[in-house]
Amino acid sequence: QVQLVESGGGLVQAGGSLRLSCAASGRSFSTYAMGWFRQAPGKEREFVAAIRWSGTSRYYSDSVKGRSTISRDNAKNMVYLQMNSLKPEDTAVYYCAGGGAGGVTVSTKYDYWGQGTQVTVSS
């Protein structure tokens, strides 16, 4: 089994930055693609960013492209999401997910999920 725990969320002003972290446990961590998704009140969970097991392929939603960077350190069982130039519309609970076989941008393709970390961006 894989357990994921997010951290790094918080309250920031528009234009600020946050670095979200996802700590993973489980011997098969390095075999999974990893993704970040977010969900705002009243909205569906949406894709943010993903990275394949090798770290050589990265994917971003149009909403965060150019402002965010996803990375992973398999030796440390860690995945990160650096978010810059934050906007109020980035406010959401951010979830780390593992799996992604057959579609790294699709939430239903992931097998493991963290509990989420709140990101709030004020105007």
N, C-alpha and C. Protein backbone atom coordinates (compact mmCIF):
# COMPACT_ATOMS: atom_id res chain seq x y z
N GLN A 1 0.83 -1.19 0.00
CA GLN A 1 0.00 0.00 0.00
C GLN A 1 0.87 1.25 0.00
N VAL A 2 0.29 2.33 -0.48
CA VAL A 2 0.97 3.61 -0.52
C VAL A 2 0.17 4.61 0.30
N GLN A 3 0.85 5.31 1.17
CA GLN A 3 0.24 6.36 1.96
C GLN A 3 0.85 7.70 1.58
N LEU A 4 0.01 8.69 1.37
CA LEU A 4 0.46 10.01 0.94
C LEU A 4 0.00 11.06 1.95
N VAL A 5 0.90 11.96 2.30
CA VAL A 5 0.60 13.02 3.25
C VAL A 5 1.10 14.34 2.68
N GLU A 6 0.18 15.28 2.46
CA GLU A 6 0.53 16.58 1.93
C GLU A 6 0.84 17.57 3.04
N SER A 7 1.65 18.56 2.70
CA SER A 7 1.94 19.65 3.61
C SER A 7 2.37 20.87 2.80
N GLY A 8 2.47 22.00 3.45
CA GLY A 8 2.96 23.20 2.80
C GLY A 8 1.91 24.21 2.42
N GLY A 9 0.65 23.86 2.59
CA GLY A 9 -0.40 24.81 2.29
C GLY A 9 -0.46 25.91 3.33
N GLY A 10 -1.28 26.91 3.05
CA GLY A 10 -1.41 28.01 3.97
C GLY A 10 -2.09 29.19 3.34
N LEU A 11 -2.03 30.32 4.02
CA LEU A 11 -2.62 31.56 3.55
C LEU A 11 -1.54 32.47 3.00
N VAL A 12 -1.70 32.89 1.76
CA VAL A 12 -0.74 33.78 1.13
C VAL A 12 -1.48 34.87 0.38
N GLN A 13 -0.79 35.96 0.13
CA GLN A 13 -1.35 37.05 -0.66
C GLN A 13 -1.19 36.76 -2.14
N ALA A 14 -2.07 37.31 -2.94
CA ALA A 14 -1.95 37.17 -4.38
C ALA A 14 -0.57 37.61 -4.83
N GLY A 15 0.01 36.82 -5.72
CA GLY A 15 1.35 37.09 -6.19
C GLY A 15 2.43 36.37 -5.42
N GLY A 16 2.05 35.77 -4.31
CA GLY A 16 3.00 35.05 -3.49
C GLY A 16 3.26 33.65 -3.99
N SER A 17 4.04 32.91 -3.22
CA SER A 17 4.43 31.56 -3.61
C SER A 17 4.25 30.58 -2.47
N LEU A 18 4.06 29.34 -2.83
CA LEU A 18 4.00 28.24 -1.89
C LEU A 18 4.68 27.03 -2.51
N ARG A 19 5.24 26.20 -1.66
CA ARG A 19 5.78 24.93 -2.10
C ARG A 19 5.07 23.82 -1.34
N LEU A 20 4.27 23.08 -2.06
CA LEU A 20 3.56 21.96 -1.47
C LEU A 20 4.43 20.72 -1.52
N SER A 21 4.35 19.91 -0.48
CA SER A 21 5.12 18.69 -0.41
C SER A 21 4.19 17.51 -0.20
N CYS A 22 4.59 16.38 -0.71
CA CYS A 22 3.85 15.14 -0.54
C CYS A 22 4.84 14.06 -0.13
N ALA A 23 4.67 13.55 1.07
CA ALA A 23 5.51 12.48 1.57
C ALA A 23 4.81 11.15 1.34
N ALA A 24 5.50 10.24 0.70
CA ALA A 24 4.92 8.96 0.35
C ALA A 24 5.61 7.82 1.08
N SER A 25 4.85 6.84 1.44
CA SER A 25 5.38 5.61 2.01
C SER A 25 4.91 4.44 1.18
N GLY A 26 5.72 3.40 1.16
CA GLY A 26 5.39 2.25 0.35
C GLY A 26 6.53 1.89 -0.58
N ARG A 27 6.83 0.65 -0.68
CA ARG A 27 8.00 0.21 -1.43
C ARG A 27 7.87 0.43 -2.93
N SER A 28 6.66 0.58 -3.43
CA SER A 28 6.45 0.74 -4.86
C SER A 28 6.26 2.19 -5.28
N PHE A 29 6.60 3.13 -4.40
CA PHE A 29 6.40 4.53 -4.70
C PHE A 29 7.00 4.94 -6.04
N SER A 30 8.21 4.53 -6.29
CA SER A 30 8.92 4.97 -7.48
C SER A 30 8.32 4.45 -8.77
N THR A 31 7.42 3.49 -8.70
CA THR A 31 6.80 2.94 -9.89
C THR A 31 5.55 3.70 -10.31
N TYR A 32 5.11 4.62 -9.48
CA TYR A 32 3.88 5.36 -9.75
C TYR A 32 4.15 6.71 -10.38
N ALA A 33 3.28 7.09 -11.29
CA ALA A 33 3.18 8.49 -11.64
C ALA A 33 2.53 9.21 -10.46
N MET A 34 2.87 10.47 -10.28
CA MET A 34 2.32 11.25 -9.19
C MET A 34 1.65 12.50 -9.74
N GLY A 35 0.56 12.87 -9.11
CA GLY A 35 -0.17 14.03 -9.57
C GLY A 35 -0.64 14.90 -8.44
N TRP A 36 -0.90 16.13 -8.78
CA TRP A 36 -1.54 17.07 -7.87
C TRP A 36 -2.89 17.47 -8.46
N PHE A 37 -3.91 17.41 -7.64
CA PHE A 37 -5.25 17.84 -8.00
C PHE A 37 -5.73 18.83 -6.96
N ARG A 38 -6.73 19.60 -7.31
CA ARG A 38 -7.28 20.55 -6.34
C ARG A 38 -8.79 20.60 -6.46
N GLN A 39 -9.42 20.98 -5.37
CA GLN A 39 -10.87 21.08 -5.35
C GLN A 39 -11.28 22.28 -4.52
N ALA A 40 -11.99 23.18 -5.16
CA ALA A 40 -12.53 24.35 -4.50
C ALA A 40 -13.98 24.09 -4.12
N PRO A 41 -14.50 24.82 -3.14
CA PRO A 41 -15.90 24.62 -2.73
C PRO A 41 -16.86 24.75 -3.91
N GLY A 42 -17.75 23.79 -4.05
CA GLY A 42 -18.73 23.82 -5.10
C GLY A 42 -18.23 23.43 -6.47
N LYS A 43 -16.97 23.02 -6.57
CA LYS A 43 -16.40 22.66 -7.85
C LYS A 43 -15.92 21.22 -7.84
N GLU A 44 -15.76 20.67 -9.03
CA GLU A 44 -15.22 19.34 -9.17
C GLU A 44 -13.72 19.35 -8.96
N ARG A 45 -13.20 18.21 -8.57
CA ARG A 45 -11.76 18.08 -8.43
C ARG A 45 -11.11 18.21 -9.81
N GLU A 46 -10.08 19.02 -9.90
CA GLU A 46 -9.45 19.26 -11.18
C GLU A 46 -7.96 18.98 -11.15
N PHE A 47 -7.46 18.62 -12.30
CA PHE A 47 -6.05 18.32 -12.46
C PHE A 47 -5.21 19.58 -12.36
N VAL A 48 -4.06 19.48 -11.72
CA VAL A 48 -3.14 20.59 -11.61
C VAL A 48 -1.82 20.27 -12.31
N ALA A 49 -1.18 19.19 -11.88
CA ALA A 49 0.12 18.82 -12.44
C ALA A 49 0.38 17.35 -12.19
N ALA A 50 1.25 16.77 -13.00
CA ALA A 50 1.61 15.36 -12.84
C ALA A 50 3.03 15.13 -13.30
N ILE A 51 3.63 14.08 -12.78
CA ILE A 51 4.98 13.71 -13.15
C ILE A 51 5.08 12.19 -13.17
N ARG A 52 5.70 11.65 -14.21
CA ARG A 52 5.85 10.22 -14.30
C ARG A 52 6.96 9.73 -13.38
N TRP A 53 7.05 8.41 -13.24
CA TRP A 53 7.96 7.85 -12.25
C TRP A 53 9.41 8.25 -12.46
N SER A 54 9.80 8.42 -13.72
CA SER A 54 11.18 8.77 -14.02
C SER A 54 11.47 10.24 -13.79
N GLY A 55 10.44 11.05 -13.72
CA GLY A 55 10.61 12.48 -13.57
C GLY A 55 10.92 13.20 -14.86
N THR A 56 10.97 12.48 -15.96
CA THR A 56 11.33 13.08 -17.24
C THR A 56 10.14 13.65 -17.99
N SER A 57 8.94 13.26 -17.62
CA SER A 57 7.73 13.76 -18.27
C SER A 57 6.87 14.48 -17.25
N ARG A 58 6.56 15.73 -17.54
CA ARG A 58 5.76 16.54 -16.64
C ARG A 58 4.59 17.15 -17.39
N TYR A 59 3.49 17.31 -16.69
CA TYR A 59 2.26 17.80 -17.28
C TYR A 59 1.64 18.84 -16.38
N TYR A 60 1.04 19.86 -16.99
CA TYR A 60 0.43 20.93 -16.22
C TYR A 60 -0.91 21.33 -16.84
N SER A 61 -1.82 21.73 -16.00
CA SER A 61 -3.06 22.29 -16.51
C SER A 61 -2.79 23.67 -17.07
N ASP A 62 -3.66 24.12 -17.95
CA ASP A 62 -3.49 25.45 -18.52
C ASP A 62 -3.56 26.53 -17.43
N SER A 63 -4.29 26.26 -16.37
CA SER A 63 -4.47 27.24 -15.32
C SER A 63 -3.18 27.56 -14.57
N VAL A 64 -2.28 26.58 -14.47
CA VAL A 64 -1.07 26.78 -13.69
C VAL A 64 0.19 26.75 -14.53
N LYS A 65 0.07 26.42 -15.78
CA LYS A 65 1.23 26.33 -16.65
C LYS A 65 1.99 27.66 -16.67
N GLY A 66 3.29 27.57 -16.49
CA GLY A 66 4.11 28.76 -16.45
C GLY A 66 4.29 29.34 -15.07
N ARG A 67 3.47 28.91 -14.12
CA ARG A 67 3.54 29.40 -12.75
C ARG A 67 3.92 28.31 -11.76
N SER A 68 3.86 27.07 -12.18
CA SER A 68 4.06 25.96 -11.27
C SER A 68 5.09 24.98 -11.81
N THR A 69 5.73 24.28 -10.89
CA THR A 69 6.71 23.26 -11.24
C THR A 69 6.51 22.05 -10.34
N ILE A 70 6.31 20.90 -10.95
CA ILE A 70 6.20 19.67 -10.19
C ILE A 70 7.53 18.93 -10.29
N SER A 71 7.93 18.32 -9.20
CA SER A 71 9.17 17.57 -9.17
C SER A 71 9.03 16.41 -8.20
N ARG A 72 9.94 15.46 -8.30
CA ARG A 72 9.92 14.35 -7.37
C ARG A 72 11.34 13.90 -7.06
N ASP A 73 11.48 13.35 -5.89
CA ASP A 73 12.75 12.79 -5.45
C ASP A 73 12.43 11.39 -4.96
N ASN A 74 12.62 10.42 -5.83
CA ASN A 74 12.25 9.05 -5.50
C ASN A 74 13.06 8.50 -4.33
N ALA A 75 14.31 8.93 -4.22
CA ALA A 75 15.15 8.46 -3.12
C ALA A 75 14.61 8.90 -1.77
N LYS A 76 13.93 10.03 -1.75
CA LYS A 76 13.36 10.56 -0.51
C LYS A 76 11.86 10.31 -0.41
N ASN A 77 11.30 9.67 -1.41
CA ASN A 77 9.85 9.43 -1.44
C ASN A 77 9.07 10.73 -1.29
N MET A 78 9.47 11.73 -2.05
CA MET A 78 8.84 13.04 -1.95
C MET A 78 8.44 13.56 -3.33
N VAL A 79 7.33 14.25 -3.36
CA VAL A 79 6.86 14.95 -4.54
C VAL A 79 6.55 16.38 -4.14
N TYR A 80 6.87 17.33 -5.02
CA TYR A 80 6.70 18.73 -4.69
C TYR A 80 5.92 19.45 -5.78
N LEU A 81 5.25 20.50 -5.37
CA LEU A 81 4.61 21.40 -6.30
C LEU A 81 4.95 22.82 -5.89
N GLN A 82 5.82 23.45 -6.65
CA GLN A 82 6.17 24.85 -6.43
C GLN A 82 5.17 25.71 -7.19
N MET A 83 4.51 26.60 -6.49
CA MET A 83 3.50 27.46 -7.09
C MET A 83 3.89 28.91 -6.88
N ASN A 84 4.02 29.64 -7.97
CA ASN A 84 4.38 31.04 -7.94
C ASN A 84 3.25 31.89 -8.52
N SER A 85 3.35 33.18 -8.29
CA SER A 85 2.36 34.12 -8.81
C SER A 85 0.94 33.65 -8.52
N LEU A 86 0.70 33.30 -7.29
CA LEU A 86 -0.58 32.73 -6.90
C LEU A 86 -1.71 33.74 -7.08
N LYS A 87 -2.86 33.21 -7.46
CA LYS A 87 -4.06 34.00 -7.70
C LYS A 87 -5.17 33.53 -6.77
N PRO A 88 -6.13 34.39 -6.49
CA PRO A 88 -7.26 33.96 -5.64
C PRO A 88 -7.95 32.71 -6.17
N GLU A 89 -8.01 32.54 -7.47
CA GLU A 89 -8.65 31.37 -8.03
C GLU A 89 -7.87 30.08 -7.81
N ASP A 90 -6.66 30.20 -7.28
CA ASP A 90 -5.89 29.02 -6.90
C ASP A 90 -6.33 28.47 -5.55
N THR A 91 -7.18 29.19 -4.85
CA THR A 91 -7.66 28.76 -3.55
C THR A 91 -8.42 27.44 -3.67
N ALA A 92 -7.97 26.45 -2.93
CA ALA A 92 -8.57 25.12 -2.99
C ALA A 92 -7.85 24.21 -2.02
N VAL A 93 -8.41 23.04 -1.82
CA VAL A 93 -7.69 21.97 -1.14
C VAL A 93 -6.90 21.22 -2.19
N TYR A 94 -5.62 21.07 -1.96
CA TYR A 94 -4.74 20.41 -2.91
C TYR A 94 -4.44 19.00 -2.44
N TYR A 95 -4.60 18.06 -3.36
CA TYR A 95 -4.42 16.65 -3.06
C TYR A 95 -3.27 16.06 -3.86
N CYS A 96 -2.49 15.27 -3.20
CA CYS A 96 -1.45 14.48 -3.84
C CYS A 96 -2.03 13.12 -4.17
N ALA A 97 -1.69 12.59 -5.34
CA ALA A 97 -2.22 11.31 -5.77
C ALA A 97 -1.14 10.48 -6.43
N GLY A 98 -1.26 9.17 -6.28
CA GLY A 98 -0.33 8.24 -6.89
C GLY A 98 -1.04 7.24 -7.76
N GLY A 99 -0.41 6.89 -8.86
CA GLY A 99 -0.98 5.94 -9.80
C GLY A 99 -0.91 6.48 -11.21
N GLY A 100 -2.04 6.85 -11.74
CA GLY A 100 -2.08 7.52 -13.03
C GLY A 100 -1.89 6.65 -14.25
N ALA A 101 -1.92 5.35 -14.08
CA ALA A 101 -1.76 4.47 -15.23
C ALA A 101 -2.89 4.68 -16.22
N GLY A 102 -2.54 4.98 -17.44
CA GLY A 102 -3.53 5.19 -18.47
C GLY A 102 -4.04 6.61 -18.59
N GLY A 103 -3.53 7.51 -17.75
CA GLY A 103 -3.98 8.90 -17.84
C GLY A 103 -3.58 9.72 -16.64
N VAL A 104 -2.44 10.36 -16.70
CA VAL A 104 -1.92 11.08 -15.54
C VAL A 104 -2.68 12.36 -15.24
N THR A 105 -3.52 12.81 -16.15
CA THR A 105 -4.29 14.02 -15.92
C THR A 105 -5.72 13.73 -15.46
N VAL A 106 -6.05 12.46 -15.27
CA VAL A 106 -7.41 12.04 -14.95
C VAL A 106 -7.45 11.52 -13.52
N SER A 107 -8.27 12.12 -12.69
CA SER A 107 -8.31 11.76 -11.29
C SER A 107 -8.70 10.31 -11.05
N THR A 108 -9.60 9.78 -11.88
CA THR A 108 -10.06 8.41 -11.69
C THR A 108 -9.01 7.37 -12.05
N LYS A 109 -7.91 7.78 -12.61
CA LYS A 109 -6.83 6.86 -12.95
C LYS A 109 -5.84 6.68 -11.80
N TYR A 110 -6.02 7.40 -10.73
CA TYR A 110 -5.12 7.32 -9.59
C TYR A 110 -5.67 6.39 -8.51
N ASP A 111 -4.76 5.67 -7.88
CA ASP A 111 -5.14 4.66 -6.90
C ASP A 111 -5.03 5.13 -5.46
N TYR A 112 -4.15 6.07 -5.19
CA TYR A 112 -3.89 6.51 -3.83
C TYR A 112 -3.99 8.02 -3.72
N TRP A 113 -4.55 8.47 -2.61
CA TRP A 113 -4.78 9.88 -2.38
C TRP A 113 -4.41 10.29 -0.96
N GLY A 114 -3.86 11.50 -0.85
CA GLY A 114 -3.64 12.06 0.46
C GLY A 114 -4.89 12.73 0.98
N GLN A 115 -4.80 13.30 2.17
CA GLN A 115 -5.95 13.95 2.80
C GLN A 115 -6.13 15.39 2.37
N GLY A 116 -5.13 15.96 1.73
CA GLY A 116 -5.24 17.30 1.21
C GLY A 116 -4.63 18.35 2.12
N THR A 117 -4.22 19.45 1.52
CA THR A 117 -3.71 20.60 2.26
C THR A 117 -4.35 21.86 1.69
N GLN A 118 -4.81 22.73 2.56
CA GLN A 118 -5.55 23.91 2.15
C GLN A 118 -4.61 25.01 1.67
N VAL A 119 -4.91 25.55 0.51
CA VAL A 119 -4.22 26.72 -0.02
C VAL A 119 -5.25 27.83 -0.16
N THR A 120 -4.99 28.96 0.49
CA THR A 120 -5.88 30.10 0.41
C THR A 120 -5.08 31.31 -0.05
N VAL A 121 -5.53 31.93 -1.12
CA VAL A 121 -4.86 33.09 -1.69
C VAL A 121 -5.78 34.29 -1.56
N SER A 122 -5.34 35.29 -0.84
CA SER A 122 -6.13 36.49 -0.62
C SER A 122 -5.82 37.54 -1.67
N SER A 123 -6.79 38.42 -1.91
CA SER A 123 -6.63 39.48 -2.90
C SER A 123 -5.77 40.61 -2.37
